[in-house]
Protein backbone atom coordinates (compact mmCIF):
# COMPACT_ATOMS: atom_id res chain seq x y z
CA UNK A 1 6.94 -7.95 -28.11
CA UNK A 2 4.54 -10.66 -26.92
CA UNK A 3 5.34 -12.66 -23.90
CA UNK A 4 5.04 -16.36 -24.34
CA UNK A 5 4.29 -18.07 -21.03
CA UNK A 6 2.19 -21.19 -20.69
CA UNK A 7 -1.04 -20.57 -18.85
CA UNK A 8 0.03 -23.13 -16.11
CA UNK A 9 3.28 -21.35 -15.51
CA UNK A 10 1.55 -17.98 -15.36
CA UNK A 11 -0.99 -19.34 -12.89
CA UNK A 12 1.87 -20.61 -10.72
CA UNK A 13 3.70 -17.31 -10.82
CA UNK A 14 0.60 -15.40 -9.81
CA UNK A 15 -0.27 -17.84 -7.07
CA UNK A 16 3.10 -17.29 -5.51
CA UNK A 17 2.48 -13.64 -4.95
CA UNK A 18 2.27 -13.07 -1.17
CA UNK A 19 -0.51 -11.21 0.53
CA UNK A 20 1.11 -10.94 3.94
CA UNK A 21 4.68 -9.84 5.05
CA UNK A 22 5.36 -8.16 1.66
CA UNK A 23 8.50 -6.15 1.20
CA UNK A 24 6.71 -2.70 1.57
CA UNK A 25 4.96 -4.03 4.64
CA UNK A 26 8.07 -5.10 6.31
CA UNK A 27 9.85 -1.89 5.38
CA UNK A 28 6.98 0.12 7.11
CA UNK A 29 7.30 -2.12 10.13
CA UNK A 30 11.02 -1.56 10.31
CA UNK A 31 10.49 2.23 10.14
CA UNK A 32 7.92 2.11 12.83
CA UNK A 33 10.14 0.01 15.17
CA UNK A 34 13.08 2.27 14.47
CA UNK A 35 10.78 5.34 15.56
CA UNK A 36 10.01 3.48 18.87
CA UNK A 37 6.42 2.43 18.07
CA UNK A 38 5.14 -1.01 19.07
CA UNK A 39 2.50 -2.65 16.98
CA UNK A 40 0.68 -5.83 16.18
CA UNK A 41 0.33 -7.33 12.68
CA UNK A 42 -2.68 -8.86 10.76
CA UNK A 43 -5.16 -8.68 13.68
CA UNK A 44 -7.93 -11.11 12.60
CA UNK A 45 -10.29 -9.34 14.95
CA UNK A 46 -10.44 -6.18 13.04
CA UNK A 47 -12.23 -5.71 9.78
CA UNK A 48 -9.92 -6.25 6.75
CA UNK A 49 -7.15 -7.68 8.85
CA UNK A 50 -4.96 -4.56 8.76
CA UNK A 51 -1.44 -4.96 8.09
CA UNK A 52 -0.04 -3.02 11.06
CA UNK A 53 -2.07 -2.08 14.17
CA UNK A 54 -0.96 0.43 16.84
CA UNK A 55 -3.41 -0.40 19.60
CA UNK A 56 -2.20 2.51 21.91
CA UNK A 57 -2.96 5.11 19.19
CA UNK A 58 -6.08 3.20 17.74
CA UNK A 59 -4.54 3.38 14.37
CA UNK A 60 -4.81 0.67 11.68
CA UNK A 61 -2.21 0.87 8.95
CA UNK A 62 -2.97 -0.71 5.52
CA UNK A 63 -0.04 -1.03 3.26
CA UNK A 64 -1.42 -1.29 -0.30
CA UNK A 65 0.37 -2.50 -3.40
CA UNK A 66 -0.32 -0.07 -6.15
CA UNK A 67 -1.12 -2.79 -8.68
CA UNK A 68 -3.57 -4.75 -6.64
CA UNK A 69 -5.31 -1.85 -4.98
CA UNK A 70 -5.31 0.49 -7.99
CA UNK A 71 -3.41 3.58 -6.75
CA UNK A 72 -4.79 6.36 -8.75
CA UNK A 73 -2.19 8.01 -11.12
CA UNK A 74 0.55 5.62 -10.14
CA UNK A 75 2.79 4.17 -12.84
CA UNK A 76 2.66 0.75 -10.99
CA UNK A 77 -1.19 0.53 -11.39
CA UNK A 78 -1.09 -1.05 -14.76
CA UNK A 79 -3.77 -3.25 -16.30
CA UNK A 80 -2.74 -6.43 -18.02
CA UNK A 81 -3.67 -6.65 -21.63
CA UNK A 82 -4.85 -10.26 -21.60
CA UNK A 83 -8.07 -11.31 -20.07
CA UNK A 84 -8.91 -7.73 -19.48
CA UNK A 85 -12.50 -8.42 -18.13
CA UNK A 86 -11.24 -10.78 -15.42
CA UNK A 87 -8.72 -8.24 -14.27
CA UNK A 88 -11.20 -5.33 -14.20
CA UNK A 89 -13.70 -7.35 -12.08
CA UNK A 90 -10.82 -8.48 -9.76
CA UNK A 91 -9.55 -4.84 -9.22
CA UNK A 92 -13.17 -3.52 -8.56
CA UNK A 93 -13.61 -6.18 -6.06
CA UNK A 94 -10.35 -5.27 -4.35
CA UNK A 95 -11.33 -1.70 -4.23
CA UNK A 96 -14.85 -2.47 -2.94
CA UNK A 97 -13.46 -4.73 -0.19
CA UNK A 98 -10.96 -2.00 0.77
CA UNK A 99 -13.62 0.64 1.13
CA UNK A 100 -15.76 -1.74 3.22
CA UNK A 101 -12.95 -2.43 5.46
CA UNK A 102 -12.19 1.30 5.97
CA UNK A 103 -15.82 2.00 6.79
CA UNK A 104 -16.01 -0.77 9.23
CA UNK A 105 -12.79 0.34 11.10
CA UNK A 106 -14.14 3.92 11.16
CA UNK A 107 -17.37 2.57 12.59
CA UNK A 108 -15.38 0.70 15.21
CA UNK A 109 -13.59 3.86 16.33
CA UNK A 110 -10.16 3.14 14.66
CA UNK A 111 -8.32 5.67 12.72
CA UNK A 112 -6.84 4.38 9.43
CA UNK A 113 -3.66 5.20 7.47
CA UNK A 114 -3.11 3.99 3.93
CA UNK A 115 0.46 3.61 2.83
CA UNK A 116 1.14 3.00 -0.86
CA UNK A 117 3.81 0.73 -2.22
CA UNK A 118 5.30 3.53 -4.42
CA UNK A 119 5.95 5.92 -1.42
CA UNK A 120 7.70 2.93 0.35
CA UNK A 121 9.94 2.38 -2.85
CA UNK A 122 10.66 6.17 -2.99
CA UNK A 123 11.63 6.15 0.67
CA UNK A 124 14.12 3.36 0.06
CA UNK A 125 15.85 5.79 -2.37
CA UNK A 126 15.58 8.60 0.19
CA UNK A 127 12.92 10.71 -1.67
CA UNK A 128 9.80 10.67 0.33
CA UNK A 129 10.53 11.25 3.96
CA UNK A 130 8.19 8.48 4.98
CA UNK A 131 9.41 8.12 8.56
CA UNK A 132 8.50 11.76 9.19
CA UNK A 133 5.18 11.32 7.47
CA UNK A 134 4.40 8.29 9.56
CA UNK A 135 5.09 10.19 12.82
CA UNK A 136 2.92 13.00 11.66
CA UNK A 137 0.15 10.64 10.77
CA UNK A 138 0.28 8.85 14.11
CA UNK A 139 0.19 12.23 15.94
CA UNK A 140 -2.79 13.60 13.84
CA UNK A 141 -6.23 13.27 15.04
CA UNK A 142 -7.80 12.86 11.56
CA UNK A 143 -9.79 9.79 10.97
CA UNK A 144 -8.66 8.69 7.51
CA UNK A 145 -5.05 9.42 6.24
CA UNK A 146 -3.14 8.45 3.29
CA UNK A 147 0.61 8.87 2.87
CA UNK A 148 1.01 10.88 -0.44
CA UNK A 149 2.29 9.52 -3.56
CA UNK A 150 5.96 9.72 -4.11
CA UNK A 151 7.12 12.97 -5.39
CA UNK A 152 8.52 12.53 -8.82
CA UNK A 153 12.12 13.78 -9.37
CA UNK A 154 12.31 17.03 -11.41
CA UNK A 155 13.89 16.77 -14.70
CA UNK A 156 17.00 18.76 -15.33
CA UNK A 157 15.67 21.76 -17.40
CA UNK A 158 19.14 23.26 -17.99
CA UNK A 159 20.11 23.26 -21.65
CA UNK A 160 23.19 21.43 -22.75
CA UNK A 161 25.38 24.03 -24.48
């Protein structure tokens, strides 16, 4: 089925998508606050303006949307069919900018943690154990960390007899 939306309406809809204080970002901040961590948000003095910064742990947390930042193998990382060259260029630019920011944060001595939107959504359903993973990531001494992709539910393999 072809969707019929006027270009002006589509442009207005896309322009209304927020880049800061998104629902996944707010959910991660709530989890961190519940766990007793104190943080700063959107520090302009750091490369890439990380979404959440824990200065005491020298950890920058980037909450990435699966669509915009192209989470590999994620069902939310779809590509629009219309104007495909534009979208490919946009996605490649986002990925390049993300890699540059991670590299600059590393050079500045910051540890980084990437939290994907799908893992936050899975945690809302109680599937991913995200608070525990956040605590482990903060305690870890590794330089670059990623919260793993949400674990898909197993299908019921029992036969219906």
